[in-house]
Amino acid sequence: MAGQATRTPGRRRTIILAVCCCAVMVILAIAIPLAVVSAGHAGSLKTTVINRCQTFLKTHSTVSSDIKCDDIWDAFQNAFVGKDQCNVPVEAYDDLVNMVKQKSSCNNMLFWSKTKDIVHELTHATKCFITLEDTFLGFLMDNLTWCSKKDSTKIFDTYKDCPQSCRPNAVSAFWIRASANFAQSSCGNVTAMLNGSLPTPFSNSSIFGSVEVQNLNPLKVGTVNVVLIVQENDRTTCQNDSLQDLKKILVPGLRYSCKEVPISKIHQCIQAPTITCGKCWE
């Protein structure tokens, strides 16, 4: 009995140590993945942006060959990291935009409003037109979300963490700046695809109406050709009041045209990409 009594404290210490070790292992098992997830937001966004940058540079010759993807990332994150997620100035992206020198595709620049899906189906199938999302900067950031917080070094990349309802947020500021640059670089005749299923296909408050239209240069651009995409039973026409408003706010010197095109016709062009681009809606 005496021998057993002398061994009891040692056994207790062993059990306590084992329990403590297990507890530490459990805590680490939980904490390490959480740490990886917390740090993973910035890492995954950076990886996506740099991978897209490298892909675009390999497949396009329209962008200056001296662009370094790490430099692009640095300029991008410097625009919004540490800033209030609901107060990122548009000019914060000036350095990023000014780093990129891309040749314009005269007569092939395509703007859109409320028609993103069908427009990109068309551009990807035919390669006839260039939208902002087909340019270097647009390709990099399309469908991504990002933000930071005031005086923070962290980057977030989810809708939950980055509210889109406040303006100007990190994402909206980028697209406003990139859209202005895209419009300023336009040349020749440009096309705008608008949604004829809406009662007001043109809105002054859209990026197309408030930014892109305002930045078209009449010394470089001739005509703004509106393609109004309509469904079979749509009543909206080129005589719509909102389109007359568009015509009125164009910078003096720009010409205007409008054509109603059935969406079925656009689908035909998508399915038969050999159709000459200009004949798609002629």
C-alpha atoms as a PDB file:
ATOM      1  CA  MET A   1       0.000   0.000   0.000  1.00  0.00           C
ATOM      2  CA  ALA A   2       2.872   2.346   0.873  1.00  0.00           C
ATOM      3  CA  GLY A   3       4.505   1.670  -2.495  1.00  0.00           C
ATOM      4  CA  GLN A   4       1.292   2.440  -4.318  1.00  0.00           C
ATOM      5  CA  ALA A   5       0.941   5.678  -2.355  1.00  0.00           C
ATOM      6  CA  THR A   6       4.398   6.853  -3.422  1.00  0.00           C
ATOM      7  CA  ARG A   7       3.592   6.248  -7.113  1.00  0.00           C
ATOM      8  CA  THR A   8       0.203   8.053  -7.190  1.00  0.00           C
ATOM      9  CA  PRO A   9       1.533  11.665  -7.541  1.00  0.00           C
ATOM     10  CA  GLY A  10       3.733  10.607 -10.415  1.00  0.00           C
ATOM     11  CA  ARG A  11       0.847   8.977 -12.247  1.00  0.00           C
ATOM     12  CA  ARG A  12      -1.291  12.039 -11.668  1.00  0.00           C
ATOM     13  CA  ARG A  13       1.422  14.286 -13.076  1.00  0.00           C
ATOM     14  CA  THR A  14       1.683  12.023 -16.121  1.00  0.00           C
ATOM     15  CA  ILE A  15      -2.059  12.148 -16.691  1.00  0.00           C
ATOM     16  CA  ILE A  16      -2.145  15.939 -16.244  1.00  0.00           C
ATOM     17  CA  LEU A  17       0.762  16.388 -18.673  1.00  0.00           C
ATOM     18  CA  ALA A  18      -0.950  14.120 -21.219  1.00  0.00           C
ATOM     19  CA  VAL A  19      -4.187  16.067 -20.916  1.00  0.00           C
ATOM     20  CA  CYS A  20      -2.327  19.380 -21.309  1.00  0.00           C
ATOM     21  CA  CYS A  21      -0.485  18.103 -24.380  1.00  0.00           C
ATOM     22  CA  CYS A  22      -3.749  16.971 -25.930  1.00  0.00           C
ATOM     23  CA  ALA A  23      -5.319  20.331 -25.178  1.00  0.00           C
ATOM     24  CA  VAL A  24      -2.394  22.170 -26.780  1.00  0.00           C
ATOM     25  CA  MET A  25      -2.599  19.942 -29.846  1.00  0.00           C
ATOM     26  CA  VAL A  26      -6.329  20.606 -30.152  1.00  0.00           C
ATOM     27  CA  ILE A  27      -5.787  24.364 -29.824  1.00  0.00           C
ATOM     28  CA  LEU A  28      -3.039  24.289 -32.442  1.00  0.00           C
ATOM     29  CA  ALA A  29      -5.179  22.157 -34.741  1.00  0.00           C
ATOM     30  CA  ILE A  30      -7.873  24.821 -34.591  1.00  0.00           C
ATOM     31  CA  ALA A  31      -5.644  27.891 -34.525  1.00  0.00           C
ATOM     32  CA  ILE A  32      -3.313  27.009 -37.378  1.00  0.00           C
ATOM     33  CA  PRO A  33      -6.031  26.544 -40.016  1.00  0.00           C
ATOM     34  CA  LEU A  34      -7.710  29.720 -38.797  1.00  0.00           C
ATOM     35  CA  ALA A  35      -4.441  31.600 -39.128  1.00  0.00           C
ATOM     36  CA  VAL A  36      -3.965  30.241 -42.622  1.00  0.00           C
ATOM     37  CA  VAL A  37      -7.486  31.290 -43.580  1.00  0.00           C
ATOM     38  CA  SER A  38      -7.008  34.773 -42.098  1.00  0.00           C
ATOM     39  CA  ALA A  39      -3.773  35.306 -43.938  1.00  0.00           C
ATOM     40  CA  GLY A  40      -5.031  33.489 -46.989  1.00  0.00           C
ATOM     41  CA  HIS A  41      -7.318  36.301 -48.197  1.00  0.00           C
ATOM     42  CA  ALA A  42      -4.469  38.572 -49.266  1.00  0.00           C
ATOM     43  CA  GLY A  43      -2.422  35.641 -50.500  1.00  0.00           C
ATOM     44  CA  SER A  44      -5.160  34.206 -52.675  1.00  0.00           C
ATOM     45  CA  LEU A  45      -6.032  37.607 -54.161  1.00  0.00           C
ATOM     46  CA  LYS A  46      -2.381  38.306 -54.909  1.00  0.00           C
ATOM     47  CA  THR A  47      -1.953  34.899 -56.510  1.00  0.00           C
ATOM     48  CA  THR A  48      -5.035  35.429 -58.679  1.00  0.00           C
ATOM     49  CA  VAL A  49      -3.960  38.896 -59.835  1.00  0.00           C
ATOM     50  CA  ILE A  50      -0.388  37.885 -60.605  1.00  0.00           C
ATOM     51  CA  ASN A  51      -1.471  34.698 -62.404  1.00  0.00           C
ATOM     52  CA  ARG A  52      -3.910  36.699 -64.528  1.00  0.00           C
ATOM     53  CA  CYS A  53      -1.199  39.250 -65.226  1.00  0.00           C
ATOM     54  CA  GLN A  54       1.228  36.587 -66.419  1.00  0.00           C
ATOM     55  CA  THR A  55      -1.454  34.898 -68.524  1.00  0.00           C
ATOM     56  CA  PHE A  56      -2.435  38.135 -70.248  1.00  0.00           C
ATOM     57  CA  LEU A  57       1.164  39.104 -71.003  1.00  0.00           C
ATOM     58  CA  LYS A  58       1.836  35.687 -72.530  1.00  0.00           C
ATOM     59  CA  THR A  59      -1.229  35.774 -74.766  1.00  0.00           C
ATOM     60  CA  HIS A  60      -1.420  39.436 -75.806  1.00  0.00           C
ATOM     61  CA  SER A  61       1.075  41.585 -77.662  1.00  0.00           C
ATOM     62  CA  THR A  62      -0.875  44.826 -77.175  1.00  0.00           C
ATOM     63  CA  VAL A  63       0.649  45.545 -73.766  1.00  0.00           C
ATOM     64  CA  SER A  64       4.139  46.897 -73.123  1.00  0.00           C
ATOM     65  CA  SER A  65       6.555  44.016 -72.584  1.00  0.00           C
ATOM     66  CA  ASP A  66       8.368  45.758 -69.731  1.00  0.00           C
ATOM     67  CA  ILE A  67       5.444  45.350 -67.325  1.00  0.00           C
ATOM     68  CA  LYS A  68       6.360  43.413 -64.187  1.00  0.00           C
ATOM     69  CA  CYS A  69       3.481  41.614 -62.500  1.00  0.00           C
ATOM     70  CA  ASP A  70       4.912  42.152 -59.016  1.00  0.00           C
ATOM     71  CA  ASP A  71       5.008  45.891 -59.703  1.00  0.00           C
ATOM     72  CA  ILE A  72       1.402  45.757 -60.890  1.00  0.00           C
ATOM     73  CA  TRP A  73       0.388  44.071 -57.649  1.00  0.00           C
ATOM     74  CA  ASP A  74       2.263  46.633 -55.553  1.00  0.00           C
ATOM     75  CA  ALA A  75       0.624  49.558 -57.346  1.00  0.00           C
ATOM     76  CA  PHE A  76      -2.763  47.879 -57.003  1.00  0.00           C
ATOM     77  CA  GLN A  77      -2.572  47.201 -53.281  1.00  0.00           C
ATOM     78  CA  ASN A  78      -1.048  50.606 -52.551  1.00  0.00           C
ATOM     79  CA  ALA A  79      -4.211  52.165 -53.955  1.00  0.00           C
ATOM     80  CA  PHE A  80      -6.494  50.854 -51.213  1.00  0.00           C
ATOM     81  CA  VAL A  81      -4.616  49.144 -48.371  1.00  0.00           C
ATOM     82  CA  GLY A  82      -4.930  51.143 -45.171  1.00  0.00           C
ATOM     83  CA  LYS A  83      -7.846  53.205 -46.483  1.00  0.00           C
ATOM     84  CA  ASP A  84     -11.431  53.298 -45.246  1.00  0.00           C
ATOM     85  CA  GLN A  85     -13.234  50.650 -47.298  1.00  0.00           C
ATOM     86  CA  CYS A  86     -16.031  53.140 -48.025  1.00  0.00           C
ATOM     87  CA  ASN A  87     -13.801  56.073 -48.897  1.00  0.00           C
ATOM     88  CA  VAL A  88     -11.234  55.118 -51.538  1.00  0.00           C
ATOM     89  CA  PRO A  89     -10.668  58.015 -53.969  1.00  0.00           C
ATOM     90  CA  VAL A  90     -10.754  57.245 -57.681  1.00  0.00           C
ATOM     91  CA  GLU A  91      -7.380  58.901 -58.184  1.00  0.00           C
ATOM     92  CA  ALA A  92      -5.813  56.366 -55.808  1.00  0.00           C
ATOM     93  CA  TYR A  93      -5.567  54.061 -58.832  1.00  0.00           C
ATOM     94  CA  ASP A  94      -3.755  56.622 -61.013  1.00  0.00           C
ATOM     95  CA  ASP A  95      -0.344  55.000 -60.523  1.00  0.00           C
ATOM     96  CA  LEU A  96      -1.696  51.576 -61.504  1.00  0.00           C
ATOM     97  CA  VAL A  97      -3.481  52.879 -64.594  1.00  0.00           C
ATOM     98  CA  ASN A  98      -0.498  54.955 -65.678  1.00  0.00           C
ATOM     99  CA  MET A  99       1.806  51.939 -65.471  1.00  0.00           C
ATOM    100  CA  VAL A 100      -0.073  50.149 -68.240  1.00  0.00           C
ATOM    101  CA  LYS A 101       0.502  51.106 -71.849  1.00  0.00           C
ATOM    102  CA  GLN A 102      -1.841  49.195 -74.131  1.00  0.00           C
ATOM    103  CA  LYS A 103      -2.505  49.756 -77.805  1.00  0.00           C
ATOM    104  CA  SER A 104      -6.039  50.823 -78.648  1.00  0.00           C
ATOM    105  CA  SER A 105      -8.132  48.870 -81.129  1.00  0.00           C
ATOM    106  CA  CYS A 106      -9.769  51.574 -83.220  1.00  0.00           C
ATOM    107  CA  ASN A 107     -13.356  50.925 -84.375  1.00  0.00           C
ATOM    108  CA  ASN A 108     -13.554  47.856 -82.119  1.00  0.00           C
ATOM    109  CA  MET A 109     -14.110  49.389 -78.685  1.00  0.00           C
ATOM    110  CA  LEU A 110     -17.314  48.067 -77.137  1.00  0.00           C
ATOM    111  CA  PHE A 111     -19.147  49.584 -74.174  1.00  0.00           C
ATOM    112  CA  TRP A 112     -22.056  47.964 -72.362  1.00  0.00           C
ATOM    113  CA  SER A 113     -24.648  48.603 -69.687  1.00  0.00           C
ATOM    114  CA  LYS A 114     -26.835  45.860 -68.156  1.00  0.00           C
ATOM    115  CA  THR A 115     -25.736  43.492 -70.952  1.00  0.00           C
ATOM    116  CA  LYS A 116     -22.486  42.086 -69.565  1.00  0.00           C
ATOM    117  CA  ASP A 117     -23.176  38.382 -70.100  1.00  0.00           C
ATOM    118  CA  ILE A 118     -24.329  38.544 -73.728  1.00  0.00           C
ATOM    119  CA  VAL A 119     -21.644  41.085 -74.605  1.00  0.00           C
ATOM    120  CA  HIS A 120     -18.857  38.867 -73.332  1.00  0.00           C
ATOM    121  CA  GLU A 121     -20.313  35.798 -74.958  1.00  0.00           C
ATOM    122  CA  LEU A 122     -20.074  37.727 -78.212  1.00  0.00           C
ATOM    123  CA  THR A 123     -16.559  39.098 -77.711  1.00  0.00           C
ATOM    124  CA  HIS A 124     -15.180  35.746 -76.604  1.00  0.00           C
ATOM    125  CA  ALA A 125     -16.732  33.939 -79.566  1.00  0.00           C
ATOM    126  CA  THR A 126     -15.923  36.404 -82.346  1.00  0.00           C
ATOM    127  CA  LYS A 127     -12.894  38.364 -81.089  1.00  0.00           C
ATOM    128  CA  CYS A 128     -14.280  41.290 -83.073  1.00  0.00           C
ATOM    129  CA  PHE A 129     -14.700  43.765 -80.245  1.00  0.00           C
ATOM    130  CA  ILE A 130     -12.778  44.813 -77.181  1.00  0.00           C
ATOM    131  CA  THR A 131     -14.543  45.546 -73.900  1.00  0.00           C
ATOM    132  CA  LEU A 132     -12.893  46.956 -70.803  1.00  0.00           C
ATOM    133  CA  GLU A 133     -12.805  43.432 -69.369  1.00  0.00           C
ATOM    134  CA  ASP A 134     -10.794  42.310 -72.408  1.00  0.00           C
ATOM    135  CA  THR A 135      -8.056  44.838 -71.689  1.00  0.00           C
ATOM    136  CA  PHE A 136      -5.165  44.205 -69.324  1.00  0.00           C
ATOM    137  CA  LEU A 137      -6.590  45.998 -66.287  1.00  0.00           C
ATOM    138  CA  GLY A 138     -10.136  44.753 -66.806  1.00  0.00           C
ATOM    139  CA  PHE A 139      -8.934  41.182 -67.278  1.00  0.00           C
ATOM    140  CA  LEU A 140      -6.968  41.372 -64.029  1.00  0.00           C
ATOM    141  CA  MET A 141      -9.832  42.554 -61.828  1.00  0.00           C
ATOM    142  CA  ASP A 142     -12.978  41.177 -63.465  1.00  0.00           C
ATOM    143  CA  ASN A 143     -15.344  39.568 -60.918  1.00  0.00           C
ATOM    144  CA  LEU A 144     -12.930  40.110 -58.019  1.00  0.00           C
ATOM    145  CA  THR A 145     -13.721  41.785 -54.705  1.00  0.00           C
ATOM    146  CA  TRP A 146     -11.219  43.521 -52.460  1.00  0.00           C
ATOM    147  CA  CYS A 147     -10.880  46.096 -49.705  1.00  0.00           C
ATOM    148  CA  SER A 148      -8.909  47.010 -46.611  1.00  0.00           C
ATOM    149  CA  LYS A 149      -9.657  49.053 -43.508  1.00  0.00           C
ATOM    150  CA  LYS A 150      -8.428  52.397 -42.296  1.00  0.00           C
ATOM    151  CA  ASP A 151      -4.873  52.206 -40.924  1.00  0.00           C
ATOM    152  CA  SER A 152      -4.809  48.442 -41.523  1.00  0.00           C
ATOM    153  CA  THR A 153      -2.333  46.375 -43.508  1.00  0.00           C
ATOM    154  CA  LYS A 154      -4.828  43.567 -44.101  1.00  0.00           C
ATOM    155  CA  ILE A 155      -6.561  42.807 -47.380  1.00  0.00           C
ATOM    156  CA  PHE A 156     -10.027  41.268 -47.561  1.00  0.00           C
ATOM    157  CA  ASP A 157     -11.583  39.660 -50.632  1.00  0.00           C
ATOM    158  CA  THR A 158     -15.143  38.654 -49.786  1.00  0.00           C
ATOM    159  CA  TYR A 159     -18.485  40.431 -50.176  1.00  0.00           C
ATOM    160  CA  LYS A 160     -19.070  39.933 -46.457  1.00  0.00           C
ATOM    161  CA  ASP A 161     -15.941  41.882 -45.561  1.00  0.00           C
ATOM    162  CA  CYS A 162     -16.141  44.402 -48.387  1.00  0.00           C
ATOM    163  CA  PRO A 163     -19.508  46.207 -48.562  1.00  0.00           C
ATOM    164  CA  GLN A 164     -20.419  47.327 -52.067  1.00  0.00           C
ATOM    165  CA  SER A 165     -23.321  49.558 -51.053  1.00  0.00           C
ATOM    166  CA  CYS A 166     -21.134  52.438 -49.880  1.00  0.00           C
ATOM    167  CA  ARG A 167     -19.318  54.713 -52.309  1.00  0.00           C
ATOM    168  CA  PRO A 168     -16.611  55.171 -53.269  1.00  0.00           C
ATOM    169  CA  ASN A 169     -15.429  51.754 -52.179  1.00  0.00           C
ATOM    170  CA  ALA A 170     -12.188  50.102 -53.295  1.00  0.00           C
ATOM    171  CA  VAL A 171     -13.831  48.177 -56.143  1.00  0.00           C
ATOM    172  CA  SER A 172     -16.078  50.925 -57.522  1.00  0.00           C
ATOM    173  CA  ALA A 173     -13.224  53.438 -57.450  1.00  0.00           C
ATOM    174  CA  PHE A 174     -11.092  51.094 -59.544  1.00  0.00           C
ATOM    175  CA  TRP A 175     -13.787  50.504 -62.164  1.00  0.00           C
ATOM    176  CA  ILE A 176     -14.555  54.204 -62.435  1.00  0.00           C
ATOM    177  CA  ARG A 177     -10.861  54.982 -63.006  1.00  0.00           C
ATOM    178  CA  ALA A 178     -10.348  52.080 -65.427  1.00  0.00           C
ATOM    179  CA  SER A 179     -13.549  52.939 -67.324  1.00  0.00           C
ATOM    180  CA  ALA A 180     -12.478  56.555 -67.749  1.00  0.00           C
ATOM    181  CA  ASN A 181      -9.131  55.388 -69.094  1.00  0.00           C
ATOM    182  CA  PHE A 182     -10.802  52.937 -71.482  1.00  0.00           C
ATOM    183  CA  ALA A 183     -13.052  55.669 -72.871  1.00  0.00           C
ATOM    184  CA  GLN A 184     -10.191  58.153 -73.178  1.00  0.00           C
ATOM    185  CA  SER A 185      -8.201  55.637 -75.204  1.00  0.00           C
ATOM    186  CA  SER A 186     -11.082  54.901 -77.608  1.00  0.00           C
ATOM    187  CA  CYS A 187     -10.662  55.773 -81.264  1.00  0.00           C
ATOM    188  CA  GLY A 188     -12.632  55.435 -84.481  1.00  0.00           C
ATOM    189  CA  ASN A 189     -16.292  54.530 -84.163  1.00  0.00           C
ATOM    190  CA  VAL A 190     -17.363  52.928 -80.886  1.00  0.00           C
ATOM    191  CA  THR A 191     -20.265  50.617 -80.086  1.00  0.00           C
ATOM    192  CA  ALA A 192     -22.460  50.512 -76.990  1.00  0.00           C
ATOM    193  CA  MET A 193     -24.708  47.520 -76.320  1.00  0.00           C
ATOM    194  CA  LEU A 194     -27.692  48.448 -74.154  1.00  0.00           C
ATOM    195  CA  ASN A 195     -30.553  46.396 -72.749  1.00  0.00           C
ATOM    196  CA  GLY A 196     -33.794  46.895 -74.653  1.00  0.00           C
ATOM    197  CA  SER A 197     -35.715  44.825 -72.114  1.00  0.00           C
ATOM    198  CA  LEU A 198     -35.456  47.700 -69.648  1.00  0.00           C
ATOM    199  CA  PRO A 199     -37.879  50.641 -69.725  1.00  0.00           C
ATOM    200  CA  THR A 200     -34.860  52.962 -69.559  1.00  0.00           C
ATOM    201  CA  PRO A 201     -31.917  51.277 -71.317  1.00  0.00           C
ATOM    202  CA  PHE A 202     -29.676  54.288 -70.729  1.00  0.00           C
ATOM    203  CA  SER A 203     -29.008  55.710 -67.283  1.00  0.00           C
ATOM    204  CA  ASN A 204     -27.020  58.825 -66.487  1.00  0.00           C
ATOM    205  CA  SER A 205     -25.942  57.210 -63.221  1.00  0.00           C
ATOM    206  CA  SER A 206     -24.439  54.078 -64.810  1.00  0.00           C
ATOM    207  CA  ILE A 207     -20.704  53.895 -65.381  1.00  0.00           C
ATOM    208  CA  PHE A 208     -21.384  54.090 -69.103  1.00  0.00           C
ATOM    209  CA  GLY A 209     -23.482  57.235 -68.676  1.00  0.00           C
ATOM    210  CA  SER A 210     -21.587  59.000 -65.901  1.00  0.00           C
ATOM    211  CA  VAL A 211     -18.012  58.057 -66.773  1.00  0.00           C
ATOM    212  CA  GLU A 212     -17.417  56.527 -70.196  1.00  0.00           C
ATOM    213  CA  VAL A 213     -19.651  58.778 -72.297  1.00  0.00           C
ATOM    214  CA  GLN A 214     -18.150  61.821 -70.594  1.00  0.00           C
ATOM    215  CA  ASN A 215     -14.603  60.748 -71.432  1.00  0.00           C
ATOM    216  CA  LEU A 216     -14.989  60.070 -75.163  1.00  0.00           C
ATOM    217  CA  ASN A 217     -12.754  62.398 -77.141  1.00  0.00           C
ATOM    218  CA  PRO A 218     -14.417  63.797 -80.307  1.00  0.00           C
ATOM    219  CA  LEU A 219     -10.964  64.365 -81.785  1.00  0.00           C
ATOM    220  CA  LYS A 220     -10.417  60.587 -81.710  1.00  0.00           C
ATOM    221  CA  VAL A 221     -13.947  59.141 -81.809  1.00  0.00           C
ATOM    222  CA  GLY A 222     -16.367  59.590 -84.710  1.00  0.00           C
ATOM    223  CA  THR A 223     -19.691  57.896 -83.975  1.00  0.00           C
ATOM    224  CA  VAL A 224     -21.268  56.271 -80.943  1.00  0.00           C
ATOM    225  CA  ASN A 225     -23.270  53.358 -82.371  1.00  0.00           C
ATOM    226  CA  VAL A 226     -25.890  52.110 -79.933  1.00  0.00           C
ATOM    227  CA  VAL A 227     -26.960  48.494 -80.393  1.00  0.00           C
ATOM    228  CA  LEU A 228     -30.206  48.075 -78.491  1.00  0.00           C
ATOM    229  CA  ILE A 229     -30.587  44.365 -77.738  1.00  0.00           C
ATOM    230  CA  VAL A 230     -34.269  43.454 -77.678  1.00  0.00           C
ATOM    231  CA  GLN A 231     -36.368  40.398 -76.924  1.00  0.00           C
ATOM    232  CA  GLU A 232     -39.345  39.413 -79.076  1.00  0.00           C
ATOM    233  CA  ASN A 233     -41.982  41.195 -76.973  1.00  0.00           C
ATOM    234  CA  ASP A 234     -39.934  44.199 -75.836  1.00  0.00           C
ATOM    235  CA  ARG A 235     -41.509  47.580 -76.443  1.00  0.00           C
ATOM    236  CA  THR A 236     -38.392  49.677 -75.969  1.00  0.00           C
ATOM    237  CA  THR A 237     -37.088  51.213 -79.202  1.00  0.00           C
ATOM    238  CA  CYS A 238     -34.393  53.605 -80.273  1.00  0.00           C
ATOM    239  CA  GLN A 239     -36.931  56.397 -79.747  1.00  0.00           C
ATOM    240  CA  ASN A 240     -36.875  55.758 -76.006  1.00  0.00           C
ATOM    241  CA  ASP A 241     -36.594  58.954 -73.967  1.00  0.00           C
ATOM    242  CA  SER A 242     -33.475  57.752 -72.159  1.00  0.00           C
ATOM    243  CA  LEU A 243     -31.701  57.190 -75.476  1.00  0.00           C
ATOM    244  CA  GLN A 244     -32.660  60.683 -76.559  1.00  0.00           C
ATOM    245  CA  ASP A 245     -31.043  61.863 -73.333  1.00  0.00           C
ATOM    246  CA  LEU A 246     -27.893  59.949 -74.269  1.00  0.00           C
ATOM    247  CA  LYS A 247     -27.851  61.655 -77.626  1.00  0.00           C
ATOM    248  CA  LYS A 248     -28.144  65.067 -75.969  1.00  0.00           C
ATOM    249  CA  ILE A 249     -25.305  64.607 -73.476  1.00  0.00           C
ATOM    250  CA  LEU A 250     -22.737  63.409 -75.999  1.00  0.00           C
ATOM    251  CA  VAL A 251     -19.725  65.676 -76.215  1.00  0.00           C
ATOM    252  CA  PRO A 252     -20.167  68.097 -79.139  1.00  0.00           C
ATOM    253  CA  GLY A 253     -18.572  66.673 -82.242  1.00  0.00           C
ATOM    254  CA  LEU A 254     -19.621  63.070 -81.589  1.00  0.00           C
ATOM    255  CA  ARG A 255     -22.163  61.525 -83.943  1.00  0.00           C
ATOM    256  CA  TYR A 256     -24.869  59.137 -82.797  1.00  0.00           C
ATOM    257  CA  SER A 257     -26.707  56.163 -84.276  1.00  0.00           C
ATOM    258  CA  CYS A 258     -29.015  53.521 -82.834  1.00  0.00           C
ATOM    259  CA  LYS A 259     -30.208  50.150 -84.091  1.00  0.00           C
ATOM    260  CA  GLU A 260     -32.565  47.640 -82.509  1.00  0.00           C
ATOM    261  CA  VAL A 261     -31.130  44.139 -82.748  1.00  0.00           C
ATOM    262  CA  PRO A 262     -32.969  40.964 -81.641  1.00  0.00           C
ATOM    263  CA  ILE A 263     -31.036  38.961 -79.100  1.00  0.00           C
ATOM    264  CA  SER A 264     -31.597  35.920 -81.343  1.00  0.00           C
ATOM    265  CA  LYS A 265     -29.439  37.655 -83.952  1.00  0.00           C
ATOM    266  CA  ILE A 266     -26.645  38.100 -81.426  1.00  0.00           C
ATOM    267  CA  HIS A 267     -26.895  34.414 -80.530  1.00  0.00           C
ATOM    268  CA  GLN A 268     -26.553  33.531 -84.210  1.00  0.00           C
ATOM    269  CA  CYS A 269     -23.347  35.529 -84.344  1.00  0.00           C
ATOM    270  CA  ILE A 270     -22.051  33.780 -81.238  1.00  0.00           C
ATOM    271  CA  GLN A 271     -22.800  30.359 -82.710  1.00  0.00           C
ATOM    272  CA  ALA A 272     -21.281  31.276 -86.091  1.00  0.00           C
ATOM    273  CA  PRO A 273     -18.201  33.370 -85.252  1.00  0.00           C
ATOM    274  CA  THR A 274     -17.100  33.437 -88.895  1.00  0.00           C
ATOM    275  CA  ILE A 275     -19.860  35.974 -89.619  1.00  0.00           C
ATOM    276  CA  THR A 276     -18.250  39.302 -90.366  1.00  0.00           C
ATOM    277  CA  CYS A 277     -18.568  41.393 -87.211  1.00  0.00           C
ATOM    278  CA  GLY A 278     -20.142  44.409 -88.859  1.00  0.00           C
ATOM    279  CA  LYS A 279     -22.771  42.226 -90.533  1.00  0.00           C
ATOM    280  CA  CYS A 280     -23.940  40.702 -87.284  1.00  0.00           C
ATOM    281  CA  TRP A 281     -26.655  43.317 -86.862  1.00  0.00           C
ATOM    282  CA  GLU A 282     -26.892  44.746 -90.369  1.00  0.00           C
END
